[in-house]
Amino acid sequence: MNEEEKKGCMQMLEEIRGELKLMRAELGHTRELSERRLAAVEKICEDHESRLRDVTAGVTQFRFWSSVTSGGSTAMSLLALLKSFVYKM
């Protein structure tokens, strides 16, 4: 291999190294961007999960109080019925 061919190979090697450096920088940028996006999605999911838990707790409380109220209405109706029979006797 003569001097000119060696010089050409060295130049090509430097170009390849430059391209590799650019690709690594781009990969680092892409990785950082992906990590930020993932963090944002995870935050949204956590927020959504907490909202679902809050709604579920609210529905459970509503059902409980609805049942208590319904049960109380039933008890009051039975008492009124018994009272009406007692006063008729």
Protein backbone atom coordinates (compact mmCIF):
# COMPACT_ATOMS: atom_id res chain seq x y z
CA MET A 1 0.00 0.00 0.00
CA ASN A 2 1.51 3.29 -1.05
CA GLU A 3 1.43 6.56 0.86
CA GLU A 4 -1.56 7.95 -1.03
CA GLU A 5 -3.67 4.87 -0.34
CA LYS A 6 -2.75 5.01 3.34
CA LYS A 7 -3.71 8.69 3.44
CA GLY A 8 -7.06 7.86 1.78
CA CYS A 9 -7.72 5.04 4.25
CA MET A 10 -6.89 7.31 7.21
CA GLN A 11 -9.22 9.99 5.86
CA MET A 12 -12.01 7.43 5.42
CA LEU A 13 -11.36 6.16 8.94
CA GLU A 14 -11.67 9.68 10.34
CA GLU A 15 -14.93 10.21 8.44
CA ILE A 16 -16.29 6.95 9.87
CA ARG A 17 -15.24 8.04 13.37
CA GLY A 18 -16.96 11.38 12.85
CA GLU A 19 -20.15 9.67 11.70
CA LEU A 20 -19.99 7.32 14.67
CA LYS A 21 -19.60 10.27 17.04
CA LEU A 22 -22.64 11.98 15.50
CA MET A 23 -24.67 8.78 15.73
CA ARG A 24 -23.76 8.36 19.40
CA ALA A 25 -24.78 11.95 20.13
CA GLU A 26 -28.07 11.43 18.30
CA LEU A 27 -28.65 8.17 20.17
CA GLY A 28 -28.01 9.93 23.49
CA HIS A 29 -30.48 12.66 22.57
CA THR A 30 -33.08 10.10 21.49
CA ARG A 31 -32.60 8.16 24.73
CA GLU A 32 -33.01 11.30 26.83
CA LEU A 33 -36.14 12.27 24.93
CA SER A 34 -37.57 8.76 25.33
CA GLU A 35 -36.88 8.79 29.07
CA ARG A 36 -38.66 12.12 29.44
CA ARG A 37 -41.64 10.87 27.49
CA LEU A 38 -41.77 7.69 29.56
CA ALA A 39 -41.64 9.72 32.78
CA ALA A 40 -44.51 11.89 31.55
CA VAL A 41 -46.61 8.86 30.60
CA GLU A 42 -45.91 7.22 33.97
CA LYS A 43 -46.99 10.41 35.76
CA ILE A 44 -50.20 10.54 33.73
CA CYS A 45 -50.89 6.88 34.56
CA GLU A 46 -50.31 7.44 38.28
CA ASP A 47 -52.62 10.45 38.22
CA HIS A 48 -55.25 8.44 36.37
CA GLU A 49 -54.96 5.57 38.85
CA SER A 50 -55.38 7.91 41.82
CA ARG A 51 -58.43 9.48 40.21
CA LEU A 52 -59.93 6.04 39.64
CA ARG A 53 -59.29 5.13 43.28
CA ASP A 54 -60.94 8.36 44.44
CA VAL A 55 -63.96 7.74 42.23
CA THR A 56 -64.20 4.13 43.42
CA ALA A 57 -64.06 5.28 47.04
CA GLY A 58 -66.79 7.83 46.35
CA VAL A 59 -69.01 5.24 44.70
CA THR A 60 -68.47 2.84 47.59
CA GLN A 61 -69.43 5.54 50.12
CA PHE A 62 -72.48 6.44 48.07
CA ARG A 63 -73.60 2.82 47.94
CA PHE A 64 -73.08 2.45 51.68
CA TRP A 65 -75.08 5.55 52.54
CA SER A 66 -77.69 4.68 49.95
CA SER A 67 -78.10 1.25 51.55
CA VAL A 68 -78.23 2.74 55.03
CA THR A 69 -80.82 5.28 53.93
CA SER A 70 -82.83 2.64 52.12
CA GLY A 71 -82.62 0.37 55.13
CA GLY A 72 -83.65 3.26 57.37
CA SER A 73 -86.66 3.97 55.16
CA THR A 74 -87.65 0.33 55.32
CA ALA A 75 -87.33 0.32 59.11
CA MET A 76 -89.39 3.51 59.36
CA SER A 77 -92.06 2.04 57.11
CA LEU A 78 -92.25 -1.09 59.27
CA LEU A 79 -92.48 1.03 62.42
CA ALA A 80 -95.26 3.11 60.87
CA LEU A 81 -97.10 -0.07 59.89
CA LEU A 82 -96.74 -1.53 63.39
CA LYS A 83 -97.82 1.76 64.92
CA SER A 84 -100.92 1.84 62.77
CA PHE A 85 -101.83 -1.70 63.89
CA VAL A 86 -101.15 -0.92 67.54
CA TYR A 87 -103.33 2.20 67.54
CA LYS A 88 -106.15 0.35 65.77
CA MET A 89 -106.27 -2.26 68.50
